[in-house]
Protein backbone atom coordinates (compact mmCIF):
# COMPACT_ATOMS: atom_id res chain seq x y z
CA MET A 1 3.61 23.02 -9.83
CA SER A 2 0.31 22.10 -11.38
CA SER A 3 -1.46 18.77 -11.34
CA GLN A 4 -0.31 18.43 -14.95
CA ALA A 5 3.20 17.73 -13.66
CA ILE A 6 1.91 14.59 -11.91
CA LEU A 7 -0.38 13.53 -14.72
CA GLY A 8 2.03 13.99 -17.61
CA SER A 9 0.12 12.84 -20.67
CA ARG A 10 -2.44 10.93 -18.60
CA GLN A 11 -5.94 12.24 -18.02
CA LEU A 12 -7.19 13.14 -14.53
CA ARG A 13 -10.11 10.72 -14.81
CA GLU A 14 -7.81 7.73 -15.40
CA HIS A 15 -5.49 8.87 -12.60
CA VAL A 16 -8.40 9.00 -10.14
CA LYS A 17 -9.64 5.59 -11.33
CA SER A 18 -6.15 4.23 -10.69
CA VAL A 19 -6.09 5.66 -7.17
CA LEU A 20 -9.56 4.26 -6.46
CA TYR A 21 -8.47 0.85 -7.70
CA ILE A 22 -5.28 0.81 -5.63
CA ASP A 23 -6.75 2.04 -2.32
CA ASP A 24 -10.40 1.06 -2.50
CA LYS A 25 -10.89 -0.36 1.01
CA ASN A 26 -8.74 1.73 3.33
CA TYR A 27 -10.88 4.74 4.11
CA GLU A 28 -14.01 5.53 6.09
CA ASN A 29 -15.51 8.46 4.15
CA PRO A 30 -14.61 10.76 1.23
CA GLN A 31 -12.73 13.22 3.45
CA ASP A 32 -10.65 10.41 4.95
CA TYR A 33 -9.97 9.08 1.44
CA VAL A 34 -8.62 12.43 0.22
CA ARG A 35 -6.55 12.91 3.39
CA ARG A 36 -5.05 9.41 3.18
CA ASN A 37 -4.22 9.62 -0.52
CA ARG A 38 -3.11 13.25 -0.84
CA TYR A 39 0.32 12.22 -2.17
CA PHE A 40 -1.40 11.08 -5.39
CA PHE A 41 -2.65 14.61 -6.08
CA THR A 42 0.23 16.93 -5.23
CA SER A 43 3.41 17.76 -7.04
CA ASP A 44 5.08 19.00 -3.86
CA LEU A 45 8.24 17.18 -2.97
CA PRO A 46 8.47 15.40 0.38
CA ALA A 47 10.73 16.54 3.18
CA ALA A 48 14.19 15.03 3.49
CA VAL A 49 14.38 11.33 4.27
CA SER A 50 15.15 10.47 7.88
CA GLU A 51 18.64 9.22 8.70
CA GLU A 52 17.49 6.23 10.75
CA GLY A 53 18.87 2.81 9.90
CA SER A 54 22.27 1.33 9.21
CA ILE A 55 22.25 2.03 5.46
CA SER A 56 23.20 5.54 4.43
CA ILE A 57 20.84 7.78 2.49
CA ASP A 58 23.49 8.05 -0.25
CA ASP A 59 23.60 4.25 -0.62
CA LEU A 60 19.81 4.07 -0.71
CA GLN A 61 19.62 6.87 -3.31
CA ARG A 62 22.23 5.10 -5.45
CA ALA A 63 20.44 1.73 -5.24
CA VAL A 64 17.06 3.26 -6.08
CA SER A 65 18.54 5.27 -8.95
CA GLU A 66 20.13 2.11 -10.38
CA MET A 67 16.79 0.34 -9.93
CA MET A 68 14.78 3.00 -11.78
CA THR A 69 17.05 3.56 -14.79
CA PRO A 70 16.32 0.31 -16.66
CA LEU A 71 12.60 0.55 -15.85
CA SER A 72 12.02 3.49 -18.20
CA ALA A 73 11.37 1.16 -21.12
CA SER A 74 9.68 -1.71 -19.28
CA VAL A 75 6.92 -0.13 -17.19
CA PRO A 76 3.66 0.29 -19.07
CA GLU A 77 2.28 3.81 -18.77
CA THR A 78 -1.31 4.16 -17.64
CA PRO A 79 -3.36 4.56 -20.84
CA LYS A 80 -4.76 7.93 -21.85
CA ALA A 81 -8.49 8.60 -21.70
CA SER A 82 -8.64 9.00 -25.45
CA THR A 83 -7.91 5.28 -25.86
CA GLY A 84 -11.34 4.42 -24.43
CA ILE A 85 -9.75 2.37 -21.66
CA THR A 86 -12.09 0.12 -19.70
CA CYS A 87 -11.82 -0.42 -15.95
CA LEU A 88 -10.65 -3.98 -16.58
CA ALA A 89 -7.92 -2.84 -18.97
CA LEU A 90 -6.82 -0.17 -16.50
CA LYS A 91 -6.67 -2.77 -13.71
CA GLU A 92 -4.56 -5.06 -15.91
CA LYS A 93 -2.11 -2.23 -16.73
CA LEU A 94 -1.82 -1.28 -13.06
CA ASP A 95 -1.26 -4.92 -12.09
CA GLN A 96 1.47 -5.23 -14.75
CA SER A 97 3.17 -2.06 -13.54
CA THR A 98 2.85 -3.09 -9.89
CA SER A 99 4.49 -6.45 -10.65
CA THR A 100 7.30 -4.78 -12.61
CA TYR A 101 8.04 -2.32 -9.79
CA ALA A 102 7.84 -5.06 -7.11
CA ALA A 103 10.33 -7.20 -9.03
CA ALA A 104 12.65 -4.22 -9.51
CA ILE A 105 12.57 -3.38 -5.81
CA GLU A 106 13.37 -6.97 -4.87
CA ALA A 107 16.18 -7.13 -7.46
CA ALA A 108 17.65 -3.87 -6.11
CA CYS A 109 17.74 -5.38 -2.63
CA LEU A 110 19.28 -8.64 -3.83
CA GLU A 111 22.00 -6.74 -5.73
CA GLN A 112 23.22 -5.22 -2.47
CA VAL A 113 23.89 -8.57 -0.80
CA SER A 114 26.41 -11.25 -1.69
CA GLY A 115 27.07 -14.59 -0.10
CA GLU A 116 24.84 -16.88 1.86
CA GLY A 117 24.10 -17.68 5.46
CA GLU A 118 22.65 -15.81 8.40
CA GLU A 119 24.72 -12.67 7.87
CA ALA A 120 23.64 -12.32 4.24
CA THR A 121 20.01 -13.02 5.19
CA ALA A 122 20.12 -10.33 7.89
CA LEU A 123 21.71 -7.83 5.49
CA LEU A 124 19.07 -8.57 2.85
CA LYS A 125 16.34 -8.00 5.44
CA THR A 126 17.95 -4.67 6.37
CA TRP A 127 18.16 -3.59 2.72
CA ARG A 128 14.53 -4.54 2.07
CA ALA A 129 13.30 -2.57 5.07
CA SER A 130 15.53 0.41 4.25
CA ILE A 131 14.60 0.64 0.58
CA HIS A 132 10.90 0.31 1.34
CA ARG A 133 11.15 2.98 4.07
CA TYR A 134 13.10 5.24 1.70
CA LEU A 135 10.53 4.79 -1.10
CA ARG A 136 7.63 5.38 1.31
CA GLU A 137 9.18 8.62 2.55
CA LYS A 138 10.04 9.88 -0.93
CA LEU A 139 6.88 8.78 -2.77
CA LEU A 140 4.18 8.77 -0.07
CA PHE A 141 5.74 11.48 2.15
CA GLY A 142 6.02 8.84 4.89
CA LEU A 143 2.26 8.37 5.09
CA PRO A 144 0.43 5.04 5.33
CA GLY A 145 -1.28 3.70 2.25
CA PRO A 146 -0.98 1.09 -0.46
CA GLY A 147 2.28 -0.75 -1.06
CA ASN A 148 5.21 1.06 -2.67
CA SER A 149 4.96 -0.81 -5.96
CA GLN A 150 1.24 0.00 -6.21
CA VAL A 151 1.88 3.67 -5.53
CA MET A 152 4.65 3.68 -8.13
CA ALA A 153 2.27 2.15 -10.68
CA VAL A 154 -0.29 4.90 -10.08
CA LEU A 155 2.20 7.78 -10.00
CA GLY A 156 3.96 6.59 -13.13
CA TYR A 157 7.64 6.34 -13.95
CA ARG A 158 8.28 10.05 -14.57
CA GLU A 159 6.63 11.26 -11.35
CA CYS A 160 8.42 8.58 -9.33
CA CYS A 161 11.77 9.66 -10.77
CA ARG A 162 10.99 13.29 -10.01
CA ARG A 163 10.10 12.55 -6.39
CA LEU A 164 13.15 10.33 -6.04
CA GLY A 165 15.41 13.08 -7.42
CA ILE A 166 16.42 11.04 -10.49
CA GLU A 167 15.04 13.41 -13.15
């Protein structure tokens, strides 16, 4: 697949600005930066998600799919270069998208748990950790980097769905 698959209608310049904004302090030199953030520039799909944890991969896939479906209309796409976007406007759009994804992830976790008390709190903690691990493996190929919601904001809704197998 070409880089166009990741970019969609966005321009490469704005995509790179987004990546620089999201992960601006976590690298030592340009080579380290490219190595750390390679998942932003490839259309390869990650390997299968590991089976560790008490929540099944099928349950995680279902929860993430249900989480993503209503987001299609609510996540602002990163503006195209032709709009003359400024760095400040790009930062604001990324922050909006990051907040939207973070809220959706939290809501997906909360939907999996009913009741109150220590057992419900422990189950919610398990769901949070499992969904975040699942997203990191599917979107970031299991590599370290910015938070899941930030990565989702940079990749965009369509690329996230493709990597999550929700096309």
